[in-house]
Protein backbone atom coordinates (compact mmCIF):
# COMPACT_ATOMS: atom_id res chain seq x y z
CA MET A 1 0.00 0.00 0.00
CA LEU A 2 1.09 3.56 -0.57
CA GLY A 3 2.58 5.70 2.14
CA THR A 4 2.38 9.47 2.42
CA GLY A 5 4.58 11.90 0.56
CA LEU A 6 5.87 12.20 -3.00
CA TYR A 7 4.08 10.34 -5.78
CA LEU A 8 6.75 10.52 -8.48
CA ILE A 9 5.73 10.26 -12.15
CA THR A 10 8.24 9.75 -14.93
CA PRO A 11 8.75 12.43 -17.62
CA ASP A 12 8.48 12.03 -21.39
CA ASP A 13 12.09 11.02 -21.94
CA PRO A 14 12.41 8.87 -25.10
CA ASP A 15 15.57 7.06 -23.92
CA PRO A 16 14.93 4.16 -21.50
CA ALA A 17 18.51 4.12 -20.19
CA ARG A 18 18.53 7.86 -19.58
CA LEU A 19 15.13 7.70 -17.91
CA LEU A 20 16.42 5.02 -15.55
CA ALA A 21 19.52 7.09 -14.77
CA ARG A 22 17.39 10.16 -14.05
CA THR A 23 14.90 8.30 -11.90
CA THR A 24 16.96 5.94 -9.76
CA PRO A 25 18.59 8.62 -7.55
CA LEU A 26 15.12 9.96 -6.71
CA LEU A 27 13.59 6.70 -5.52
CA PRO A 28 14.74 7.10 -1.88
CA PHE A 29 12.50 10.17 -1.69
CA ALA A 30 9.44 8.67 -3.39
CA SER A 31 6.47 6.88 -1.86
CA CYS A 32 5.81 5.32 -5.26
CA LEU A 33 6.81 5.66 -8.91
CA GLN A 34 4.41 5.77 -11.82
CA LEU A 35 5.66 4.93 -15.30
CA ARG A 36 4.01 7.45 -17.59
CA ASN A 37 5.57 8.12 -20.98
CA LYS A 38 3.83 9.33 -24.12
CA VAL A 39 6.85 9.41 -26.48
CA MET A 40 8.32 5.89 -26.28
CA ASP A 41 7.21 3.16 -28.63
CA ALA A 42 5.89 -0.10 -27.17
CA ALA A 43 9.27 -1.85 -27.11
CA GLN A 44 11.01 1.10 -25.45
CA LEU A 45 8.24 1.37 -22.89
CA ARG A 46 8.63 -2.29 -21.98
CA ASP A 47 12.40 -1.90 -21.68
CA ALA A 48 11.96 1.15 -19.47
CA GLY A 49 9.31 -0.61 -17.44
CA ARG A 50 11.43 -3.65 -16.72
CA SER A 51 14.41 -1.54 -15.64
CA LEU A 52 12.32 0.79 -13.48
CA ARG A 53 10.45 -2.15 -11.95
CA ASP A 54 13.74 -3.67 -10.83
CA ALA A 55 15.04 -0.34 -9.51
CA CYS A 56 11.84 0.18 -7.56
CA SER A 57 12.05 -3.33 -6.15
CA ASP A 58 15.61 -2.66 -4.99
CA ALA A 59 14.46 0.60 -3.34
CA SER A 60 11.26 -0.94 -1.85
CA VAL A 61 9.16 1.61 -3.75
CA PRO A 62 5.84 0.53 -5.30
CA PHE A 63 5.97 0.57 -9.11
CA ILE A 64 2.77 1.63 -10.87
CA VAL A 65 2.02 1.72 -14.59
CA ASN A 66 -0.12 4.48 -16.04
CA ASP A 67 -3.18 3.73 -18.17
CA ASP A 68 -2.50 0.11 -19.10
CA ALA A 69 -3.45 -2.77 -16.80
CA ALA A 70 -2.29 -5.36 -19.32
CA LEU A 71 1.18 -3.81 -19.48
CA ALA A 72 1.26 -3.61 -15.68
CA ALA A 73 0.49 -7.34 -15.53
CA GLU A 74 3.13 -8.13 -18.15
CA LEU A 75 5.78 -6.17 -16.25
CA GLY A 76 4.82 -7.59 -12.87
CA ALA A 77 4.12 -4.08 -11.60
CA ASP A 78 2.73 -3.41 -8.15
CA GLY A 79 -0.26 -1.65 -9.63
CA VAL A 80 -1.87 0.50 -12.26
CA HIS A 81 -3.32 3.98 -12.45
CA LEU A 82 -6.53 4.30 -14.48
CA GLY A 83 -7.95 7.38 -16.16
CA GLU A 84 -11.50 7.62 -17.39
CA GLU A 85 -10.66 5.95 -20.74
CA ASP A 86 -8.49 3.15 -19.36
CA GLY A 87 -10.97 0.44 -18.41
CA GLY A 88 -12.63 -0.44 -15.15
CA ILE A 89 -11.27 -1.37 -11.78
CA ALA A 90 -12.80 -4.86 -11.90
CA LEU A 91 -10.91 -5.75 -15.08
CA ALA A 92 -7.66 -4.38 -13.70
CA ARG A 93 -8.17 -6.34 -10.50
CA ALA A 94 -8.77 -9.53 -12.49
CA LEU A 95 -5.52 -8.98 -14.38
CA LEU A 96 -3.36 -7.89 -11.46
CA GLY A 97 -4.77 -9.70 -8.44
CA ASP A 98 -6.11 -8.74 -5.05
CA ALA A 99 -2.80 -7.39 -3.78
CA ALA A 100 -2.35 -4.89 -6.61
CA ILE A 101 -2.56 -1.15 -6.04
CA ILE A 102 -5.24 0.25 -8.33
CA GLY A 103 -5.55 4.01 -8.41
CA ALA A 104 -8.00 6.11 -10.35
CA SER A 105 -8.23 9.65 -11.63
CA CYS A 106 -11.25 11.50 -10.28
CA TYR A 107 -10.38 14.91 -11.77
CA ASP A 108 -12.80 17.44 -10.25
CA ASP A 109 -15.65 14.99 -9.66
CA ILE A 110 -16.60 13.86 -6.15
CA GLU A 111 -19.35 11.58 -7.48
CA ARG A 112 -16.83 9.75 -9.65
CA ALA A 113 -14.63 9.41 -6.57
CA ARG A 114 -17.48 7.87 -4.59
CA ARG A 115 -18.24 5.41 -7.38
CA LEU A 116 -14.62 4.36 -7.83
CA ALA A 117 -14.17 3.93 -4.10
CA ALA A 118 -17.19 1.63 -4.06
CA GLU A 119 -15.73 -0.32 -7.00
CA GLY A 120 -12.55 -1.07 -5.07
CA ALA A 121 -10.01 1.63 -5.92
CA ASP A 122 -7.02 1.72 -3.57
CA TYR A 123 -6.42 5.46 -3.94
CA LEU A 124 -8.11 8.43 -5.59
CA ALA A 125 -6.32 11.13 -7.58
CA PHE A 126 -7.74 14.65 -7.87
CA GLY A 127 -6.64 17.58 -10.00
CA ALA A 128 -5.34 19.56 -11.69
CA PHE A 129 -5.18 21.96 -8.75
CA PHE A 130 -2.95 24.47 -10.53
CA PRO A 131 -2.01 25.11 -14.18
CA SER A 132 0.01 22.11 -15.32
CA PRO A 133 2.78 22.14 -17.95
CA THR A 134 2.07 18.46 -18.63
CA LYS A 135 -1.70 18.88 -19.14
CA PRO A 136 -2.40 22.58 -19.69
CA GLN A 137 -6.07 21.93 -20.55
CA ALA A 138 -6.77 19.70 -17.55
CA ARG A 139 -9.90 20.23 -15.50
CA ARG A 140 -9.31 22.24 -12.36
CA ALA A 141 -10.09 20.85 -8.92
CA SER A 142 -10.68 22.74 -5.68
CA LEU A 143 -9.29 22.37 -2.18
CA GLN A 144 -12.82 21.65 -1.01
CA LEU A 145 -12.78 18.48 -3.09
CA LEU A 146 -9.97 17.10 -0.93
CA ARG A 147 -11.93 17.94 2.20
CA ASP A 148 -15.16 16.46 0.85
CA SER A 149 -13.46 13.18 -0.09
CA ALA A 150 -12.02 12.55 3.36
CA GLY A 151 -14.99 10.37 4.31
CA LEU A 152 -14.26 7.91 1.51
CA GLY A 153 -11.47 6.47 3.60
CA LEU A 154 -8.89 6.14 0.81
CA PRO A 155 -5.54 7.84 0.25
CA ARG A 156 -5.94 11.00 -1.83
CA VAL A 157 -3.38 12.04 -4.45
CA ALA A 158 -3.20 15.67 -5.56
CA ILE A 159 -1.84 16.40 -9.02
CA GLY A 160 -1.42 19.28 -11.42
CA GLY A 161 1.05 22.15 -11.33
CA ILE A 162 2.04 21.57 -7.72
CA THR A 163 5.21 23.23 -6.45
CA PRO A 164 6.87 23.41 -3.03
CA ASP A 165 5.47 26.95 -2.82
CA ASN A 166 1.80 26.11 -3.45
CA GLY A 167 1.56 22.53 -2.22
CA GLY A 168 1.21 23.19 1.49
CA SER A 169 -2.45 24.13 1.10
CA LEU A 170 -3.15 20.73 -0.47
CA VAL A 171 -1.54 18.84 2.39
CA THR A 172 -3.50 20.93 4.87
CA ALA A 173 -6.71 20.12 2.97
CA GLY A 174 -6.01 16.39 3.20
CA ALA A 175 -3.78 15.28 0.33
CA ASP A 176 -1.86 12.17 1.37
CA LEU A 177 0.43 12.27 -1.65
CA ILE A 178 1.52 14.96 -4.07
CA ALA A 179 2.07 13.77 -7.65
CA VAL A 180 4.85 15.50 -9.55
CA ILE A 181 6.61 15.23 -12.90
CA SER A 182 8.23 18.47 -14.05
CA GLY A 183 8.51 19.96 -10.57
CA VAL A 184 11.16 17.35 -9.82
CA PHE A 185 12.57 16.18 -13.15
CA ASP A 186 12.88 19.65 -14.69
CA ALA A 187 14.34 21.22 -11.56
CA PRO A 188 18.01 22.31 -11.59
CA ASP A 189 18.60 19.91 -8.69
CA PRO A 190 15.97 17.12 -8.81
CA ILE A 191 17.00 15.61 -5.47
CA ALA A 192 16.71 18.97 -3.71
CA ALA A 193 13.31 19.44 -5.36
CA ALA A 194 12.11 16.04 -4.13
CA GLN A 195 13.25 16.93 -0.63
CA ALA A 196 11.39 20.24 -0.84
CA TYR A 197 8.14 18.43 -1.64
CA LEU A 198 8.66 16.10 1.30
CA SER A 199 9.23 19.10 3.55
CA LEU A 200 5.64 20.16 2.86
CA PHE A 201 4.45 17.12 4.77
CA ARG A 202 6.95 17.52 7.57
CA ASN A 203 6.16 21.21 7.99
CA THR A 204 2.41 21.02 7.54
CA LEU A 205 1.89 17.85 9.51
CA SER A 206 4.50 18.42 12.21
CA GLY A 207 3.72 16.37 15.25
CA THR A 208 2.08 13.57 13.23
CA ASN A 209 3.56 10.26 12.09
CA LYS A 210 2.65 10.60 8.42
CA ILE A 211 6.29 10.79 7.38
CA ALA A 212 8.83 8.44 8.86
């Protein structure tokens, strides 16, 4: 199961070896890693997935595949993240097994979140909360959505344009994880950026045990 902290998502790097080299040093700071890449072909994506799966295993970090439950099953991933066009939770569960982590995008929709929770999602992702360089046209979610979803009893992932400067409000509102691509991978010092995101949880939730 996922912890609390940084939900790291891979960038659109077309080179599997370079992606592995960029990602591996960041794994000690991540609560999980999602393989998301829109520029690799199928063979490259499988190569990247196998290498990242092994690196995540070595670092004891859950490895999640974006969009594709069949690829997640092929790679032996720990789970899959499903958007609204990526098939249902029941099918993913049949492919990946009861122990798999199955997350789902809820965007700005609390009713979708309630439905997916009832269908067996393991975590719910909301956003975009801020303008996102990865998805500039993404639907915008509100802080109230994080508060309203607390009663669903599942970890909540916040995504979309989140920086160390604006992310504290999301943690205060109830985000258990902050999902980041460019805020870490495009930073001048990616490790320092990852640490800055983790500091949001330490600072905002001081006195709790959400971060070891």
